[in-house]
Amino acid sequence: MCTDSLLTCASPPLHRPGVCFRMFSRRQWDAMPSHTAPEMLRSPLERVALLIKGLAGHDLLAGAAGKSGVARVLSRCLSPPSPAAVAAAVQLLRQIGAFDEGEMLTALGGHLNRMPMDPRVGESLCCVCSVCGQGILLALGVILALRN
């Protein structure tokens, strides 16, 4: 059964005998996967890789420093992402200048690690700031913050 649908029907404070109404047919219910894939397997890994490198000195992330550190740490997860996905994330971070060839954080990588957004967006904002000054960056930040 779909865990997301079950949670809405049987959440602890509302658990009592009754009827559960779902907004989909029995055929749709039967076609749903029994569980959703772990978030680690369905989301981009660039932000995770930056966070791992930013915490490389911490005891919990032993092995994160140096080349292939991101792959070593992520391979120990309960549902590890594919090596190809990890390599693609590390390659993208090298391309935008967040990692050097030894997979260490650069100055730009340190800034991106502190920015709560996709590294590609953060890198674009850093480039805009260095070229146009901080005024345009503040305007872009307000626009991005008010997107909802």
Protein backbone atom coordinates (compact mmCIF):
# COMPACT_ATOMS: atom_id res chain seq x y z
CA MET A 1 0.00 0.00 0.00
CA CYS A 2 1.13 3.53 -0.63
CA THR A 3 2.65 4.79 2.60
CA ASP A 4 1.82 8.44 1.90
CA SER A 5 -1.88 7.63 1.58
CA LEU A 6 -1.84 5.44 4.66
CA LEU A 7 -0.25 8.18 6.74
CA THR A 8 -3.05 10.59 5.95
CA CYS A 9 -5.60 7.98 7.03
CA ALA A 10 -3.91 6.61 10.13
CA SER A 11 -1.90 9.44 11.62
CA PRO A 12 -1.64 8.94 15.42
CA PRO A 13 -3.81 11.83 16.65
CA LEU A 14 -6.67 10.93 14.28
CA HIS A 15 -6.55 7.13 14.57
CA ARG A 16 -9.96 5.73 15.35
CA PRO A 17 -12.50 3.46 13.65
CA GLY A 18 -14.17 5.01 10.64
CA VAL A 19 -14.10 5.35 6.90
CA CYS A 20 -11.14 6.53 4.83
CA PHE A 21 -11.85 8.43 1.61
CA ARG A 22 -9.14 8.52 -1.03
CA MET A 23 -9.23 10.75 -4.08
CA PHE A 24 -8.28 8.01 -6.53
CA SER A 25 -9.84 4.84 -7.88
CA ARG A 26 -9.16 1.26 -6.81
CA ARG A 27 -7.30 0.74 -10.13
CA GLN A 28 -5.01 3.71 -9.37
CA TRP A 29 -4.49 2.39 -5.82
CA ASP A 30 -3.50 -1.04 -7.13
CA ALA A 31 -1.10 0.51 -9.65
CA MET A 32 0.73 2.57 -7.00
CA PRO A 33 4.10 1.34 -5.77
CA SER A 34 4.06 -0.16 -2.30
CA HIS A 35 6.66 2.38 -1.09
CA THR A 36 8.23 5.51 -2.48
CA ALA A 37 11.92 5.42 -3.30
CA PRO A 38 14.22 6.91 -0.64
CA GLU A 39 14.88 10.60 -1.13
CA MET A 40 18.60 9.90 -1.55
CA LEU A 41 17.80 7.98 -4.73
CA ARG A 42 15.44 10.53 -6.27
CA SER A 43 17.01 13.90 -5.53
CA PRO A 44 20.11 15.67 -6.88
CA LEU A 45 23.29 14.93 -4.93
CA GLU A 46 25.22 18.16 -5.54
CA ARG A 47 23.98 19.84 -2.35
CA VAL A 48 24.62 16.67 -0.33
CA ALA A 49 28.16 16.44 -1.72
CA LEU A 50 28.85 20.05 -0.70
CA LEU A 51 27.55 19.40 2.81
CA ILE A 52 29.70 16.28 3.14
CA LYS A 53 32.82 18.18 2.15
CA GLY A 54 31.90 21.06 4.44
CA LEU A 55 31.72 18.64 7.38
CA ALA A 56 34.76 16.60 6.34
CA GLY A 57 36.59 17.22 9.63
CA HIS A 58 33.71 15.92 11.76
CA ASP A 59 34.05 12.48 13.38
CA LEU A 60 30.76 11.24 11.92
CA LEU A 61 32.06 11.78 8.40
CA ALA A 62 35.42 10.07 8.74
CA GLY A 63 36.72 9.40 5.26
CA ALA A 64 35.06 12.41 3.64
CA ALA A 65 38.34 14.25 3.11
CA GLY A 66 40.38 13.72 -0.02
CA LYS A 67 39.61 12.29 -3.41
CA SER A 68 36.56 9.98 -3.58
CA GLY A 69 35.49 11.11 -0.10
CA VAL A 70 31.94 11.87 -1.18
CA ALA A 71 31.59 8.43 -2.76
CA ARG A 72 32.98 6.75 0.38
CA VAL A 73 30.52 8.53 2.68
CA LEU A 74 27.49 8.04 0.44
CA SER A 75 28.28 4.35 -0.08
CA ARG A 76 27.70 3.82 3.66
CA CYS A 77 24.10 5.12 3.50
CA LEU A 78 21.19 2.74 4.04
CA SER A 79 20.07 3.26 0.44
CA PRO A 80 23.23 4.43 -1.32
CA PRO A 81 22.90 6.28 -4.61
CA SER A 82 24.45 4.78 -7.71
CA PRO A 83 28.17 5.44 -8.27
CA ALA A 84 27.27 7.11 -11.58
CA ALA A 85 24.97 9.61 -9.81
CA VAL A 86 27.68 10.42 -7.25
CA ALA A 87 30.32 10.82 -9.98
CA ALA A 88 27.99 13.13 -11.96
CA ALA A 89 27.38 15.31 -8.88
CA VAL A 90 31.11 15.57 -8.13
CA GLN A 91 31.85 16.34 -11.79
CA LEU A 92 29.26 19.13 -11.85
CA LEU A 93 30.75 20.64 -8.69
CA ARG A 94 34.19 20.54 -10.33
CA GLN A 95 32.81 22.23 -13.45
CA ILE A 96 31.28 25.14 -11.53
CA GLY A 97 34.44 25.50 -9.45
CA ALA A 98 33.16 24.30 -6.06
CA PHE A 99 35.64 21.37 -5.95
CA ASP A 100 39.21 21.27 -7.16
CA GLU A 101 40.71 18.23 -8.90
CA GLY A 102 41.51 16.66 -5.51
CA GLU A 103 37.82 16.93 -4.56
CA MET A 104 38.51 19.58 -1.92
CA LEU A 105 36.26 22.59 -1.36
CA THR A 106 37.44 25.76 -3.08
CA ALA A 107 36.64 29.27 -1.83
CA LEU A 108 33.56 29.28 -4.07
CA GLY A 109 32.61 25.86 -2.70
CA GLY A 110 32.79 27.25 0.84
CA HIS A 111 30.40 30.05 -0.10
CA LEU A 112 28.04 27.65 -1.89
CA ASN A 113 28.07 25.38 1.15
CA ARG A 114 26.60 28.18 3.25
CA MET A 115 23.93 29.09 0.70
CA PRO A 116 20.62 27.21 1.12
CA MET A 117 20.01 26.60 -2.58
CA ASP A 118 21.05 24.51 -5.52
CA PRO A 119 24.81 24.99 -6.15
CA ARG A 120 24.19 26.04 -9.77
CA VAL A 121 21.89 28.85 -8.67
CA GLY A 122 24.34 29.87 -5.93
CA GLU A 123 27.22 29.93 -8.39
CA SER A 124 25.20 32.14 -10.73
CA LEU A 125 24.41 34.52 -7.88
CA CYS A 126 28.09 34.68 -6.88
CA CYS A 127 29.04 35.50 -10.49
CA VAL A 128 26.35 38.21 -10.70
CA CYS A 129 27.58 39.70 -7.44
CA SER A 130 31.19 39.81 -8.60
CA VAL A 131 30.25 41.43 -11.93
CA CYS A 132 27.31 43.72 -11.11
CA GLY A 133 27.69 44.41 -7.41
CA GLN A 134 25.48 43.59 -4.48
CA GLY A 135 22.42 45.67 -5.46
CA ILE A 136 21.32 43.29 -8.19
CA LEU A 137 22.10 40.33 -5.91
CA LEU A 138 19.75 41.66 -3.25
CA ALA A 139 16.99 42.08 -5.81
CA LEU A 140 17.51 38.53 -7.09
CA GLY A 141 17.52 37.19 -3.54
CA VAL A 142 14.15 38.83 -2.85
CA ILE A 143 12.72 37.43 -6.07
CA LEU A 144 13.93 33.92 -5.26
CA ALA A 145 12.64 34.15 -1.68
CA LEU A 146 9.16 35.23 -2.84
CA ARG A 147 8.73 32.62 -5.57
CA ASN A 148 5.79 30.98 -3.73
